[in-house]
């Protein structure tokens, strides 16, 4: 029996949960290896060998080590083309390019404001850190503009990169999950203000691959 791949980091991390969802979609067994960030285990010499920037996730597949969640997801899909969801990273050059362009949009346009909001609205209260109201307001305005683009696109196709669920959609799941749970005003960005975004979020958040990851989150 093949050794499960190892994913280092807490499931609560948005980047870690992105990788775990991908592995679930591809039916790849994995071992989630805890990393106690408060004890700075991510800065230990052994950990730095697999993630030189002391962040999570870190990923090991036998002798191979990788970091950066989107790169890990691409690797998993390319290595295991025939397993699980074969459409996750496309089956031809055009499909892959379409997925990549929306992954870039997620990383460069969606992730910056949404990650700021996730920290300010979800993690700052847990860490007893004062919320930055200016950053919240500014990030919401930026995110609204991105979601307006998404809504137009999702009025043309079922998913961001076409008619199949792909990494382009999967990559959004962790941040949106926190934001729809944050407060009614933030949740409305995804659940009421934009019909196509609402339909899309309802569909992608219902996938078994994602629900299995949410089940790993510590219960309040």
Protein backbone atom coordinates (compact mmCIF):
# COMPACT_ATOMS: atom_id res chain seq x y z
CA UNK A 1 0.00 0.00 0.00
CA UNK A 2 1.32 3.44 -0.95
CA UNK A 3 2.30 5.79 1.85
CA UNK A 4 -0.25 8.61 2.21
CA UNK A 5 1.00 12.05 1.28
CA UNK A 6 1.64 14.31 4.23
CA UNK A 7 0.14 17.77 4.62
CA UNK A 8 1.64 19.88 7.39
CA UNK A 9 -0.47 22.49 9.11
CA UNK A 10 -3.82 23.03 10.83
CA UNK A 11 -7.01 22.32 8.87
CA UNK A 12 -8.26 25.77 9.94
CA UNK A 13 -5.65 27.36 7.69
CA UNK A 14 -7.26 28.46 4.44
CA UNK A 15 -4.23 27.33 2.44
CA UNK A 16 -4.11 23.93 4.14
CA UNK A 17 -7.82 23.33 3.60
CA UNK A 18 -7.39 24.23 -0.09
CA UNK A 19 -4.90 21.36 -0.46
CA UNK A 20 -7.02 18.93 1.55
CA UNK A 21 -10.05 19.62 -0.63
CA UNK A 22 -8.00 18.96 -3.74
CA UNK A 23 -6.77 15.65 -2.32
CA UNK A 24 -10.35 14.67 -1.52
CA UNK A 25 -11.48 15.54 -5.06
CA UNK A 26 -8.70 13.33 -6.45
CA UNK A 27 -9.32 10.49 -3.95
CA UNK A 28 -5.74 10.66 -2.66
CA UNK A 29 -5.18 9.40 0.90
CA UNK A 30 -3.38 11.90 3.11
CA UNK A 31 -2.05 12.34 6.60
CA UNK A 32 -2.61 15.72 8.22
CA UNK A 33 0.45 16.49 10.34
CA UNK A 34 -0.19 19.05 13.11
CA UNK A 35 2.03 22.11 13.27
CA UNK A 36 1.71 24.17 16.44
CA UNK A 37 2.16 27.71 15.18
CA UNK A 38 1.88 29.24 18.66
CA UNK A 39 4.93 27.21 19.68
CA UNK A 40 6.66 28.26 16.45
CA UNK A 41 7.09 24.69 15.25
CA UNK A 42 6.91 26.11 11.74
CA UNK A 43 10.27 27.82 12.38
CA UNK A 44 12.11 24.67 13.40
CA UNK A 45 15.09 23.62 11.25
CA UNK A 46 13.33 20.43 10.16
CA UNK A 47 10.22 22.28 9.06
CA UNK A 48 12.23 24.92 7.21
CA UNK A 49 13.69 22.15 5.07
CA UNK A 50 10.25 21.60 3.51
CA UNK A 51 8.95 25.18 3.72
CA UNK A 52 11.75 27.78 3.63
CA UNK A 53 9.32 30.63 4.37
CA UNK A 54 8.05 29.05 7.61
CA UNK A 55 4.41 28.95 6.53
CA UNK A 56 1.76 26.28 5.97
CA UNK A 57 1.00 24.12 4.20
CA UNK A 58 4.10 22.09 3.59
CA UNK A 59 3.63 18.92 1.57
CA UNK A 60 5.55 15.70 1.24
CA UNK A 61 5.03 12.89 -1.25
CA UNK A 62 7.69 10.27 -0.56
CA UNK A 63 10.97 12.13 -1.24
CA UNK A 64 9.27 15.16 -2.83
CA UNK A 65 8.64 18.31 -0.81
CA UNK A 66 6.49 21.22 -1.95
CA UNK A 67 4.99 24.42 -0.55
CA UNK A 68 2.38 26.96 -1.75
CA UNK A 69 -1.11 25.55 -1.83
CA UNK A 70 -2.00 26.28 -5.46
CA UNK A 71 1.24 24.72 -6.72
CA UNK A 72 0.59 21.65 -4.58
CA UNK A 73 -2.90 21.33 -6.03
CA UNK A 74 -1.57 21.53 -9.58
CA UNK A 75 1.03 18.86 -8.79
CA UNK A 76 -1.57 16.52 -7.31
CA UNK A 77 -3.82 16.91 -10.35
CA UNK A 78 -1.01 16.38 -12.85
CA UNK A 79 0.42 13.34 -11.05
CA UNK A 80 -2.96 11.69 -10.56
CA UNK A 81 -4.70 12.56 -13.83
CA UNK A 82 -6.69 9.34 -13.92
CA UNK A 83 -7.87 9.45 -10.31
CA UNK A 84 -10.95 11.11 -8.86
CA UNK A 85 -12.21 14.26 -10.55
CA UNK A 86 -10.38 14.21 -13.91
CA UNK A 87 -11.67 17.67 -14.84
CA UNK A 88 -10.20 19.34 -11.77
CA UNK A 89 -7.22 20.71 -13.71
CA UNK A 90 -8.54 20.19 -17.22
CA UNK A 91 -7.82 17.55 -19.85
CA UNK A 92 -6.51 19.74 -22.68
CA UNK A 93 -4.35 22.87 -23.05
CA UNK A 94 -7.27 25.29 -23.43
CA UNK A 95 -9.05 23.92 -20.36
CA UNK A 96 -5.85 24.23 -18.32
CA UNK A 97 -5.28 27.79 -19.54
CA UNK A 98 -8.85 28.73 -18.62
CA UNK A 99 -8.40 27.26 -15.15
CA UNK A 100 -5.02 28.95 -14.72
CA UNK A 101 -6.33 32.38 -15.65
CA UNK A 102 -9.06 32.14 -13.01
CA UNK A 103 -6.62 30.75 -10.47
CA UNK A 104 -4.51 33.83 -11.16
CA UNK A 105 -7.59 36.01 -10.74
CA UNK A 106 -8.28 34.31 -7.43
CA UNK A 107 -4.71 34.72 -6.24
CA UNK A 108 -4.21 38.31 -7.40
CA UNK A 109 -7.67 39.89 -7.30
CA UNK A 110 -9.87 37.87 -4.94
CA UNK A 111 -7.40 36.65 -2.34
CA UNK A 112 -5.88 39.96 -1.16
CA UNK A 113 -9.11 41.64 0.00
CA UNK A 114 -10.79 38.40 1.08
CA UNK A 115 -7.78 37.27 3.13
CA UNK A 116 -7.67 40.63 4.88
CA UNK A 117 -11.33 40.23 5.75
CA UNK A 118 -10.85 36.64 6.92
CA UNK A 119 -8.15 37.79 9.30
CA UNK A 120 -10.01 40.87 10.54
CA UNK A 121 -13.43 39.24 10.90
CA UNK A 122 -12.65 35.62 11.77
CA UNK A 123 -9.18 35.36 13.28
CA UNK A 124 -8.57 38.73 14.97
CA UNK A 125 -11.42 38.16 17.47
CA UNK A 126 -10.07 34.70 18.33
CA UNK A 127 -6.59 36.13 18.80
CA UNK A 128 -7.98 39.06 20.80
CA UNK A 129 -6.47 41.47 18.27
CA UNK A 130 -8.24 44.78 17.67
CA UNK A 131 -10.00 44.87 14.33
CA UNK A 132 -8.94 47.50 11.79
CA UNK A 133 -12.22 49.05 10.65
CA UNK A 134 -10.49 50.97 7.87
CA UNK A 135 -8.98 47.81 6.42
CA UNK A 136 -12.35 46.06 6.66
CA UNK A 137 -14.17 48.82 4.80
CA UNK A 138 -11.51 49.15 2.11
CA UNK A 139 -11.28 45.39 1.56
CA UNK A 140 -15.05 45.03 1.26
CA UNK A 141 -15.15 47.67 -1.45
CA UNK A 142 -12.36 45.93 -3.37
CA UNK A 143 -14.03 42.55 -2.97
CA UNK A 144 -17.36 43.86 -4.23
CA UNK A 145 -15.74 44.92 -7.49
CA UNK A 146 -14.15 41.49 -7.93
CA UNK A 147 -17.44 39.74 -7.20
CA UNK A 148 -19.23 41.91 -9.75
CA UNK A 149 -16.85 40.51 -12.38
CA UNK A 150 -17.46 36.99 -11.09
CA UNK A 151 -21.21 37.46 -11.21
CA UNK A 152 -21.09 38.45 -14.87
CA UNK A 153 -18.87 35.48 -15.71
CA UNK A 154 -21.05 33.06 -13.75
CA UNK A 155 -24.04 34.31 -15.71
CA UNK A 156 -22.34 32.85 -18.80
CA UNK A 157 -20.96 29.56 -17.46
CA UNK A 158 -21.84 27.28 -14.56
CA UNK A 159 -18.38 27.57 -13.03
CA UNK A 160 -15.56 30.09 -13.40
CA UNK A 161 -13.54 28.17 -16.00
CA UNK A 162 -16.49 26.63 -17.83
CA UNK A 163 -19.13 23.99 -17.22
CA UNK A 164 -17.04 21.79 -14.89
CA UNK A 165 -15.98 22.28 -11.27
CA UNK A 166 -12.22 22.89 -11.27
CA UNK A 167 -9.35 24.19 -9.18
CA UNK A 168 -10.48 27.68 -10.17
CA UNK A 169 -13.62 27.22 -8.09
CA UNK A 170 -12.07 25.04 -5.38
CA UNK A 171 -9.46 27.65 -4.54
CA UNK A 172 -12.16 30.08 -3.37
CA UNK A 173 -13.80 27.73 -0.88
CA UNK A 174 -11.73 28.38 2.28
CA UNK A 175 -11.94 32.19 2.32
CA UNK A 176 -15.61 32.34 1.38
CA UNK A 177 -16.42 29.80 4.08
CA UNK A 178 -15.10 32.16 6.75
CA UNK A 179 -16.69 35.23 5.21
CA UNK A 180 -20.23 33.84 4.96
CA UNK A 181 -19.92 32.93 8.66
CA UNK A 182 -18.56 36.30 9.71
CA UNK A 183 -21.57 38.64 9.79
CA UNK A 184 -24.73 39.24 7.78
CA UNK A 185 -23.29 42.18 5.85
CA UNK A 186 -20.25 40.24 4.70
CA UNK A 187 -22.23 37.07 4.03
CA UNK A 188 -24.62 39.01 1.80
CA UNK A 189 -21.76 39.63 -0.66
CA UNK A 190 -22.05 35.95 -1.57
CA UNK A 191 -25.54 34.90 -0.50
CA UNK A 192 -27.96 37.61 -1.61
CA UNK A 193 -26.50 40.55 -3.53
CA UNK A 194 -25.36 38.62 -6.64
CA UNK A 195 -27.64 35.92 -8.03
CA UNK A 196 -24.99 34.03 -9.98
CA UNK A 197 -22.40 34.17 -7.21
CA UNK A 198 -25.04 32.89 -4.77
CA UNK A 199 -25.90 29.96 -7.02
CA UNK A 200 -22.20 29.18 -7.54
CA UNK A 201 -21.36 29.33 -3.83
CA UNK A 202 -24.32 27.12 -2.95
CA UNK A 203 -23.12 24.51 -5.43
CA UNK A 204 -19.41 24.45 -4.65
CA UNK A 205 -19.83 24.55 -0.88
CA UNK A 206 -22.06 21.46 -1.04
CA UNK A 207 -19.34 19.26 -2.53
CA UNK A 208 -18.41 16.25 -0.40
CA UNK A 209 -14.71 17.00 -0.82
CA UNK A 210 -15.20 20.33 0.94
CA UNK A 211 -17.61 19.10 3.61
CA UNK A 212 -15.04 16.49 4.66
CA UNK A 213 -12.53 19.28 5.22
CA UNK A 214 -14.96 21.38 7.25
CA UNK A 215 -15.54 18.31 9.42
CA UNK A 216 -11.86 18.50 10.37
CA UNK A 217 -12.24 22.00 11.81
CA UNK A 218 -12.25 22.11 15.61
CA UNK A 219 -15.74 22.40 16.99
CA UNK A 220 -16.49 25.63 18.92
